[in-house]
Every structure is written in C-alpha cells, then in structure tokens.
Amino acid sequence: MKVRFTPTGRSQFLSVIAYIHRDKPDAARTFRKKAEDTLRRLEQFPESGRHIPEFPTLPYREVLVSSYRFFYSVHQDTVWIVAVWHAA
C-alpha cells in the first residue's frame, strides 16, 4: 500500500507546515515528522483511521495529527490524502 497526496491535499499540508513555521520553525519540523509517521502507518493499516463523524456514510476516513485532521480514501493499493484541516 502506498500513501499519496492529491494536489489539494498536498497544498493544504504544505500550507499548514508553512503557517506553523512562521512562528515556530522547530514545531513545524516536529509536526511534519509526526504527520509522516502517522501517514506511514496507513501503508500497513489503511483502515485504521476513523470514519468522519460529520459524514459517516461517505467513503472517507481521517487520522488526527496534533490539531489537524487528515482526510483520506483508499483506492486499490493507494491511500489518497485528499484534505488537511485544522480540527477547530
């Protein structure tokens, strides 16, 4: 199983890192590492994320990294990260 970002998902992820980096560069590096570790887990356990509580019937799941939600879907042998939102 591979983990890939859609263009929108990648753009949102990079925007989050840039936003954090403006005030706290070390925190941005820590967040990125934590996100990469969490997303890497999906390679072996793609169903480990929960269904999105607001939309339980949609074919998407989410994993939480700090205060950010990573929304994803699984298609064949790929986990697609489709969006990254702040949890607030």
PDB file of N, CA and C in Angstrom:
ATOM      1  N   MET A   1       0.852  -1.176   0.000  1.00  0.00           N
ATOM      2  CA  MET A   1       0.000   0.000   0.000  1.00  0.00           C
ATOM      3  C   MET A   1       0.895   1.235   0.000  1.00  0.00           C
ATOM      4  N   LYS A   2       0.536   2.217  -0.826  1.00  0.00           N
ATOM      5  CA  LYS A   2       1.268   3.476  -0.915  1.00  0.00           C
ATOM      6  C   LYS A   2       0.390   4.593  -0.369  1.00  0.00           C
ATOM      7  N   VAL A   3       1.020   5.606   0.197  1.00  0.00           N
ATOM      8  CA  VAL A   3       0.301   6.803   0.634  1.00  0.00           C
ATOM      9  C   VAL A   3       0.695   7.932  -0.306  1.00  0.00           C
ATOM     10  N   ARG A   4      -0.305   8.550  -0.907  1.00  0.00           N
ATOM     11  CA  ARG A   4      -0.081   9.644  -1.848  1.00  0.00           C
ATOM     12  C   ARG A   4      -1.027  10.798  -1.506  1.00  0.00           C
ATOM     13  N   PHE A   5      -0.623  11.995  -1.892  1.00  0.00           N
ATOM     14  CA  PHE A   5      -1.459  13.179  -1.714  1.00  0.00           C
ATOM     15  C   PHE A   5      -2.104  13.558  -3.036  1.00  0.00           C
ATOM     16  N   THR A   6      -3.356  13.966  -2.977  1.00  0.00           N
ATOM     17  CA  THR A   6      -3.957  14.626  -4.135  1.00  0.00           C
ATOM     18  C   THR A   6      -3.327  16.016  -4.191  1.00  0.00           C
ATOM     19  N   PRO A   7      -3.426  16.721  -5.303  1.00  0.00           N
ATOM     20  CA  PRO A   7      -2.866  18.083  -5.349  1.00  0.00           C
ATOM     21  C   PRO A   7      -3.425  18.989  -4.242  1.00  0.00           C
ATOM     22  N   THR A   8      -4.724  18.893  -3.991  1.00  0.00           N
ATOM     23  CA  THR A   8      -5.326  19.716  -2.939  1.00  0.00           C
ATOM     24  C   THR A   8      -4.794  19.319  -1.568  1.00  0.00           C
ATOM     25  N   GLY A   9      -4.729  18.029  -1.305  1.00  0.00           N
ATOM     26  CA  GLY A   9      -4.217  17.552  -0.024  1.00  0.00           C
ATOM     27  C   GLY A   9      -2.780  17.994   0.211  1.00  0.00           C
ATOM     28  N   ARG A  10      -1.939  17.881  -0.816  1.00  0.00           N
ATOM     29  CA  ARG A  10      -0.539  18.294  -0.688  1.00  0.00           C
ATOM     30  C   ARG A  10      -0.438  19.795  -0.428  1.00  0.00           C
ATOM     31  N   SER A  11      -1.207  20.573  -1.161  1.00  0.00           N
ATOM     32  CA  SER A  11      -1.187  22.027  -0.981  1.00  0.00           C
ATOM     33  C   SER A  11      -1.597  22.413   0.435  1.00  0.00           C
ATOM     34  N   GLN A  12      -2.639  21.781   0.954  1.00  0.00           N
ATOM     35  CA  GLN A  12      -3.089  22.082   2.309  1.00  0.00           C
ATOM     36  C   GLN A  12      -2.047  21.671   3.349  1.00  0.00           C
ATOM     37  N   PHE A  13      -1.439  20.515   3.160  1.00  0.00           N
ATOM     38  CA  PHE A  13      -0.403  20.045   4.082  1.00  0.00           C
ATOM     39  C   PHE A  13       0.783  21.015   4.104  1.00  0.00           C
ATOM     40  N   LEU A  14       1.245  21.412   2.933  1.00  0.00           N
ATOM     41  CA  LEU A  14       2.373  22.340   2.859  1.00  0.00           C
ATOM     42  C   LEU A  14       2.008  23.714   3.435  1.00  0.00           C
ATOM     43  N   SER A  15       0.769  24.137   3.262  1.00  0.00           N
ATOM     44  CA  SER A  15       0.319  25.409   3.840  1.00  0.00           C
ATOM     45  C   SER A  15       0.325  25.350   5.365  1.00  0.00           C
ATOM     46  N   VAL A  16      -0.080  24.230   5.921  1.00  0.00           N
ATOM     47  CA  VAL A  16      -0.054  24.066   7.387  1.00  0.00           C
ATOM     48  C   VAL A  16       1.375  24.157   7.894  1.00  0.00           C
ATOM     49  N   ILE A  17       2.281  23.462   7.238  1.00  0.00           N
ATOM     50  CA  ILE A  17       3.685  23.493   7.658  1.00  0.00           C
ATOM     51  C   ILE A  17       4.229  24.917   7.569  1.00  0.00           C
ATOM     52  N   ALA A  18       3.937  25.614   6.487  1.00  0.00           N
ATOM     53  CA  ALA A  18       4.411  26.993   6.326  1.00  0.00           C
ATOM     54  C   ALA A  18       3.829  27.907   7.407  1.00  0.00           C
ATOM     55  N   TYR A  19       2.564  27.717   7.726  1.00  0.00           N
ATOM     56  CA  TYR A  19       1.903  28.529   8.751  1.00  0.00           C
ATOM     57  C   TYR A  19       2.577  28.322  10.115  1.00  0.00           C
ATOM     58  N   ILE A  20       2.808  27.087  10.475  1.00  0.00           N
ATOM     59  CA  ILE A  20       3.457  26.794  11.758  1.00  0.00           C
ATOM     60  C   ILE A  20       4.884  27.326  11.750  1.00  0.00           C
ATOM     61  N   HIS A  21       5.570  27.176  10.633  1.00  0.00           N
ATOM     62  CA  HIS A  21       6.976  27.567  10.518  1.00  0.00           C
ATOM     63  C   HIS A  21       7.198  29.064  10.738  1.00  0.00           C
ATOM     64  N   ARG A  22       6.216  29.885  10.374  1.00  0.00           N
ATOM     65  CA  ARG A  22       6.365  31.334  10.528  1.00  0.00           C
ATOM     66  C   ARG A  22       6.699  31.737  11.961  1.00  0.00           C
ATOM     67  N   ASP A  23       6.058  31.102  12.917  1.00  0.00           N
ATOM     68  CA  ASP A  23       6.276  31.452  14.320  1.00  0.00           C
ATOM     69  C   ASP A  23       7.206  30.489  15.054  1.00  0.00           C
ATOM     70  N   LYS A  24       7.161  29.212  14.642  1.00  0.00           N
ATOM     71  CA  LYS A  24       7.914  28.201  15.383  1.00  0.00           C
ATOM     72  C   LYS A  24       8.501  27.166  14.418  1.00  0.00           C
ATOM     73  N   PRO A  25       9.674  27.444  13.872  1.00  0.00           N
ATOM     74  CA  PRO A  25      10.275  26.505  12.922  1.00  0.00           C
ATOM     75  C   PRO A  25      10.473  25.098  13.485  1.00  0.00           C
ATOM     76  N   ASP A  26      10.876  25.005  14.749  1.00  0.00           N
ATOM     77  CA  ASP A  26      11.067  23.674  15.334  1.00  0.00           C
ATOM     78  C   ASP A  26       9.749  22.912  15.439  1.00  0.00           C
ATOM     79  N   ALA A  27       8.681  23.626  15.771  1.00  0.00           N
ATOM     80  CA  ALA A  27       7.364  22.988  15.858  1.00  0.00           C
ATOM     81  C   ALA A  27       6.907  22.501  14.485  1.00  0.00           C
ATOM     82  N   ALA A  28       7.236  23.237  13.440  1.00  0.00           N
ATOM     83  CA  ALA A  28       6.879  22.817  12.081  1.00  0.00           C
ATOM     84  C   ALA A  28       7.595  21.520  11.719  1.00  0.00           C
ATOM     85  N   ARG A  29       8.858  21.413  12.074  1.00  0.00           N
ATOM     86  CA  ARG A  29       9.600  20.175  11.790  1.00  0.00           C
ATOM     87  C   ARG A  29       9.031  19.006  12.591  1.00  0.00           C
ATOM     88  N   THR A  30       8.687  19.258  13.830  1.00  0.00           N
ATOM     89  CA  THR A  30       8.113  18.213  14.677  1.00  0.00           C
ATOM     90  C   THR A  30       6.765  17.760  14.119  1.00  0.00           C
ATOM     91  N   PHE A  31       5.936  18.717  13.718  1.00  0.00           N
ATOM     92  CA  PHE A  31       4.633  18.378  13.143  1.00  0.00           C
ATOM     93  C   PHE A  31       4.794  17.545  11.874  1.00  0.00           C
ATOM     94  N   ARG A  32       5.691  17.963  11.012  1.00  0.00           N
ATOM     95  CA  ARG A  32       5.891  17.227   9.759  1.00  0.00           C
ATOM     96  C   ARG A  32       6.329  15.790  10.034  1.00  0.00           C
ATOM     97  N   LYS A  33       7.250  15.606  10.955  1.00  0.00           N
ATOM     98  CA  LYS A  33       7.724  14.254  11.309  1.00  0.00           C
ATOM     99  C   LYS A  33       6.578  13.420  11.867  1.00  0.00           C
ATOM    100  N   LYS A  34       5.801  14.013  12.764  1.00  0.00           N
ATOM    101  CA  LYS A  34       4.673  13.296  13.360  1.00  0.00           C
ATOM    102  C   LYS A  34       3.648  12.926  12.291  1.00  0.00           C
ATOM    103  N   ALA A  35       3.369  13.846  11.379  1.00  0.00           N
ATOM    104  CA  ALA A  35       2.424  13.568  10.296  1.00  0.00           C
ATOM    105  C   ALA A  35       2.946  12.444   9.404  1.00  0.00           C
ATOM    106  N   GLU A  36       4.199  12.506   9.035  1.00  0.00           N
ATOM    107  CA  GLU A  36       4.777  11.467   8.178  1.00  0.00           C
ATOM    108  C   GLU A  36       4.718  10.105   8.853  1.00  0.00           C
ATOM    109  N   ASP A  37       5.012  10.055  10.153  1.00  0.00           N
ATOM    110  CA  ASP A  37       4.946   8.784  10.882  1.00  0.00           C
ATOM    111  C   ASP A  37       3.519   8.240  10.919  1.00  0.00           C
ATOM    112  N   THR A  38       2.564   9.114  11.171  1.00  0.00           N
ATOM    113  CA  THR A  38       1.157   8.695  11.223  1.00  0.00           C
ATOM    114  C   THR A  38       0.683   8.212   9.862  1.00  0.00           C
ATOM    115  N   LEU A  39       1.023   8.946   8.814  1.00  0.00           N
ATOM    116  CA  LEU A  39       0.603   8.558   7.471  1.00  0.00           C
ATOM    117  C   LEU A  39       1.301   7.284   7.005  1.00  0.00           C
ATOM    118  N   ARG A  40       2.526   7.081   7.428  1.00  0.00           N
ATOM    119  CA  ARG A  40       3.256   5.859   7.070  1.00  0.00           C
ATOM    120  C   ARG A  40       2.549   4.628   7.661  1.00  0.00           C
ATOM    121  N   ARG A  41       1.938   4.790   8.831  1.00  0.00           N
ATOM    122  CA  ARG A  41       1.199   3.683   9.451  1.00  0.00           C
ATOM    123  C   ARG A  41       0.057   3.216   8.540  1.00  0.00           C
ATOM    124  N   LEU A  42      -0.502   4.144   7.772  1.00  0.00           N
ATOM    125  CA  LEU A  42      -1.598   3.787   6.871  1.00  0.00           C
ATOM    126  C   LEU A  42      -1.158   2.841   5.760  1.00  0.00           C
ATOM    127  N   GLU A  43       0.131   2.782   5.483  1.00  0.00           N
ATOM    128  CA  GLU A  43       0.624   1.848   4.468  1.00  0.00           C
ATOM    129  C   GLU A  43       0.290   0.414   4.855  1.00  0.00           C
ATOM    130  N   GLN A  44       0.403   0.102   6.143  1.00  0.00           N
ATOM    131  CA  GLN A  44       0.117  -1.254   6.609  1.00  0.00           C
ATOM    132  C   GLN A  44      -1.304  -1.414   7.135  1.00  0.00           C
ATOM    133  N   PHE A  45      -1.867  -0.316   7.648  1.00  0.00           N
ATOM    134  CA  PHE A  45      -3.187  -0.376   8.263  1.00  0.00           C
ATOM    135  C   PHE A  45      -4.094   0.716   7.695  1.00  0.00           C
ATOM    136  N   PRO A  46      -4.477   0.602   6.434  1.00  0.00           N
ATOM    137  CA  PRO A  46      -5.239   1.673   5.788  1.00  0.00           C
ATOM    138  C   PRO A  46      -6.622   1.907   6.391  1.00  0.00           C
ATOM    139  N   GLU A  47      -7.175   0.928   7.067  1.00  0.00           N
ATOM    140  CA  GLU A  47      -8.500   1.090   7.676  1.00  0.00           C
ATOM    141  C   GLU A  47      -8.406   1.549   9.137  1.00  0.00           C
ATOM    142  N   SER A  48      -7.220   1.932   9.589  1.00  0.00           N
ATOM    143  CA  SER A  48      -7.049   2.290  10.999  1.00  0.00           C
ATOM    144  C   SER A  48      -7.627   3.654  11.351  1.00  0.00           C
ATOM    145  N   GLY A  49      -7.835   4.521  10.377  1.00  0.00           N
ATOM    146  CA  GLY A  49      -8.459   5.809  10.652  1.00  0.00           C
ATOM    147  C   GLY A  49      -9.956   5.642  10.887  1.00  0.00           C
ATOM    148  N   ARG A  50     -10.534   6.618  11.555  1.00  0.00           N
ATOM    149  CA  ARG A  50     -11.968   6.529  11.828  1.00  0.00           C
ATOM    150  C   ARG A  50     -12.768   7.134  10.677  1.00  0.00           C
ATOM    151  N   HIS A  51     -14.024   6.712  10.588  1.00  0.00           N
ATOM    152  CA  HIS A  51     -14.928   7.361   9.639  1.00  0.00           C
ATOM    153  C   HIS A  51     -15.133   8.794  10.116  1.00  0.00           C
ATOM    154  N   ILE A  52     -15.342   9.698   9.202  1.00  0.00           N
ATOM    155  CA  ILE A  52     -15.510  11.102   9.544  1.00  0.00           C
ATOM    156  C   ILE A  52     -16.846  11.248  10.280  1.00  0.00           C
ATOM    157  N   PRO A  53     -16.811  11.696  11.549  1.00  0.00           N
ATOM    158  CA  PRO A  53     -18.044  11.743  12.349  1.00  0.00           C
ATOM    159  C   PRO A  53     -19.169  12.553  11.716  1.00  0.00           C
ATOM    160  N   GLU A  54     -18.839  13.663  11.067  1.00  0.00           N
ATOM    161  CA  GLU A  54     -19.867  14.503  10.461  1.00  0.00           C
ATOM    162  C   GLU A  54     -20.498  13.874   9.222  1.00  0.00           C
ATOM    163  N   PHE A  55     -19.772  12.947   8.599  1.00  0.00           N
ATOM    164  CA  PHE A  55     -20.223  12.332   7.341  1.00  0.00           C
ATOM    165  C   PHE A  55     -19.959  10.824   7.366  1.00  0.00           C
ATOM    166  N   PRO A  56     -20.635  10.087   8.240  1.00  0.00           N
ATOM    167  CA  PRO A  56     -20.319   8.665   8.409  1.00  0.00           C
ATOM    168  C   PRO A  56     -20.610   7.794   7.196  1.00  0.00           C
ATOM    169  N   THR A  57     -21.424   8.261   6.275  1.00  0.00           N
ATOM    170  CA  THR A  57     -21.752   7.427   5.112  1.00  0.00           C
ATOM    171  C   THR A  57     -20.817   7.653   3.928  1.00  0.00           C
ATOM    172  N   LEU A  58     -19.976   8.674   3.997  1.00  0.00           N
ATOM    173  CA  LEU A  58     -19.032   8.916   2.907  1.00  0.00           C
ATOM    174  C   LEU A  58     -17.887   7.914   2.975  1.00  0.00           C
ATOM    175  N   PRO A  59     -17.260   7.610   1.838  1.00  0.00           N
ATOM    176  CA  PRO A  59     -16.188   6.612   1.812  1.00  0.00           C
ATOM    177  C   PRO A  59     -14.817   7.175   2.195  1.00  0.00           C
ATOM    178  N   TYR A  60     -14.794   8.073   3.168  1.00  0.00           N
ATOM    179  CA  TYR A  60     -13.541   8.679   3.606  1.00  0.00           C
ATOM    180  C   TYR A  60     -13.314   8.363   5.083  1.00  0.00           C
ATOM    181  N   ARG A  61     -12.045   8.407   5.457  1.00  0.00           N
ATOM    182  CA  ARG A  61     -11.643   8.234   6.848  1.00  0.00           C
ATOM    183  C   ARG A  61     -10.744   9.393   7.214  1.00  0.00           C
ATOM    184  N   GLU A  62     -10.397   9.460   8.492  1.00  0.00           N
ATOM    185  CA  GLU A  62      -9.489  10.512   8.923  1.00  0.00           C
ATOM    186  C   GLU A  62      -8.553   9.989  10.004  1.00  0.00           C
ATOM    187  N   VAL A  63      -7.378  10.596  10.050  1.00  0.00           N
ATOM    188  CA  VAL A  63      -6.450  10.406  11.164  1.00  0.00           C
ATOM    189  C   VAL A  63      -6.123  11.785  11.699  1.00  0.00           C
ATOM    190  N   LEU A  64      -5.886  11.853  12.983  1.00  0.00           N
ATOM    191  CA  LEU A  64      -5.564  13.121  13.632  1.00  0.00           C
ATOM    192  C   LEU A  64      -4.072  13.199  13.901  1.00  0.00           C
ATOM    193  N   VAL A  65      -3.520  14.365  13.606  1.00  0.00           N
ATOM    194  CA  VAL A  65      -2.117  14.651  13.920  1.00  0.00           C
ATOM    195  C   VAL A  65      -2.122  16.009  14.599  1.00  0.00           C
ATOM    196  N   SER A  66      -1.790  16.005  15.875  1.00  0.00           N
ATOM    197  CA  SER A  66      -1.891  17.215  16.692  1.00  0.00           C
ATOM    198  C   SER A  66      -3.311  17.750  16.548  1.00  0.00           C
ATOM    199  N   SER A  67      -3.465  18.971  16.116  1.00  0.00           N
ATOM    200  CA  SER A  67      -4.814  19.524  15.987  1.00  0.00           C
ATOM    201  C   SER A  67      -5.253  19.605  14.520  1.00  0.00           C
ATOM    202  N   TYR A  68      -4.719  18.713  13.685  1.00  0.00           N
ATOM    203  CA  TYR A  68      -5.083  18.688  12.270  1.00  0.00           C
ATOM    204  C   TYR A  68      -5.684  17.342  11.892  1.00  0.00           C
ATOM    205  N   ARG A  69      -6.672  17.410  11.027  1.00  0.00           N
ATOM    206  CA  ARG A  69      -7.361  16.226  10.531  1.00  0.00           C
ATOM    207  C   ARG A  69      -6.903  15.949   9.102  1.00  0.00           C
ATOM    208  N   PHE A  70      -6.434  14.735   8.871  1.00  0.00           N
ATOM    209  CA  PHE A  70      -6.022  14.293   7.547  1.00  0.00           C
ATOM    210  C   PHE A  70      -7.117  13.358   7.020  1.00  0.00           C
ATOM    211  N   PHE A  71      -7.810  13.803   5.978  1.00  0.00           N
ATOM    212  CA  PHE A  71      -8.891  13.020   5.389  1.00  0.00           C
ATOM    213  C   PHE A  71      -8.320  12.197   4.240  1.00  0.00           C
ATOM    214  N   TYR A  72      -8.747  10.935   4.158  1.00  0.00           N
ATOM    215  CA  TYR A  72      -8.198  10.078   3.110  1.00  0.00           C
ATOM    216  C   TYR A  72      -9.224   9.063   2.628  1.00  0.00           C
ATOM    217  N   SER A  73      -8.920   8.515   1.464  1.00  0.00           N
ATOM    218  CA  SER A  73      -9.705   7.410   0.913  1.00  0.00           C
ATOM    219  C   SER A  73      -8.728   6.365   0.394  1.00  0.00           C
ATOM    220  N   VAL A  74      -9.207   5.143   0.321  1.00  0.00           N
ATOM    221  CA  VAL A  74      -8.382   4.028  -0.149  1.00  0.00           C
ATOM    222  C   VAL A  74      -8.927   3.560  -1.487  1.00  0.00           C
ATOM    223  N   HIS A  75      -8.044   3.524  -2.487  1.00  0.00           N
ATOM    224  CA  HIS A  75      -8.413   3.035  -3.819  1.00  0.00           C
ATOM    225  C   HIS A  75      -7.347   2.050  -4.263  1.00  0.00           C
ATOM    226  N   GLN A  76      -7.757   0.811  -4.427  1.00  0.00           N
ATOM    227  CA  GLN A  76      -6.871  -0.277  -4.828  1.00  0.00           C
ATOM    228  C   GLN A  76      -5.684  -0.355  -3.873  1.00  0.00           C
ATOM    229  N   ASP A  77      -4.474  -0.061  -4.316  1.00  0.00           N
ATOM    230  CA  ASP A  77      -3.299  -0.192  -3.453  1.00  0.00           C
ATOM    231  C   ASP A  77      -2.756   1.159  -3.000  1.00  0.00           C
ATOM    232  N   THR A  78      -3.605   2.201  -3.009  1.00  0.00           N
ATOM    233  CA  THR A  78      -3.150   3.546  -2.655  1.00  0.00           C
ATOM    234  C   THR A  78      -4.087   4.204  -1.647  1.00  0.00           C
ATOM    235  N   VAL A  79      -3.482   4.816  -0.638  1.00  0.00           N
ATOM    236  CA  VAL A  79      -4.203   5.655   0.313  1.00  0.00           C
ATOM    237  C   VAL A  79      -4.020   7.089  -0.183  1.00  0.00           C
ATOM    238  N   TRP A  80      -5.114   7.752  -0.532  1.00  0.00           N
ATOM    239  CA  TRP A  80      -5.058   9.118  -1.058  1.00  0.00           C
ATOM    240  C   TRP A  80      -5.430  10.109   0.033  1.00  0.00           C
ATOM    241  N   ILE A  81      -4.491  10.982   0.397  1.00  0.00           N
ATOM    242  CA  ILE A  81      -4.774  12.061   1.342  1.00  0.00           C
ATOM    243  C   ILE A  81      -5.442  13.167   0.516  1.00  0.00           C
ATOM    244  N   VAL A  82      -6.712  13.427   0.817  1.00  0.00           N
ATOM    245  CA  VAL A  82      -7.476  14.350  -0.008  1.00  0.00           C
ATOM    246  C   VAL A  82      -7.607  15.733   0.594  1.00  0.00           C
ATOM    247  N   ALA A  83      -7.425  15.855   1.922  1.00  0.00           N
ATOM    248  CA  ALA A  83      -7.571  17.167   2.555  1.00  0.00           C
ATOM    249  C   ALA A  83      -6.901  17.167   3.923  1.00  0.00           C
ATOM    250  N   VAL A  84      -6.485  18.365   4.354  1.00  0.00           N
ATOM    251  CA  VAL A  84      -5.914  18.556   5.689  1.00  0.00           C
ATOM    252  C   VAL A  84      -6.561  19.810   6.260  1.00  0.00           C
ATOM    253  N   TRP A  85      -7.262  19.651   7.372  1.00  0.00           N
ATOM    254  CA  TRP A  85      -7.972  20.762   8.001  1.00  0.00           C
ATOM    255  C   TRP A  85      -7.596  20.872   9.458  1.00  0.00           C
ATOM    256  N   HIS A  86      -7.646  22.076   9.975  1.00  0.00           N
ATOM    257  CA  HIS A  86      -7.479  22.271  11.413  1.00  0.00           C
ATOM    258  C   HIS A  86      -8.721  21.709  12.095  1.00  0.00           C
ATOM    259  N   ALA A  87      -8.543  21.098  13.229  1.00  0.00           N
ATOM    260  CA  ALA A  87      -9.654  20.429  13.907  1.00  0.00           C
ATOM    261  C   ALA A  87     -10.625  21.374  14.593  1.00  0.00           C
ATOM    262  N   ALA A  88     -10.254  22.642  14.756  1.00  0.00           N
ATOM    263  CA  ALA A  88     -11.151  23.574  15.451  1.00  0.00           C
ATOM    264  C   ALA A  88     -12.353  23.949  14.611  1.00  0.00           C
TER     265      ALA A  88
END
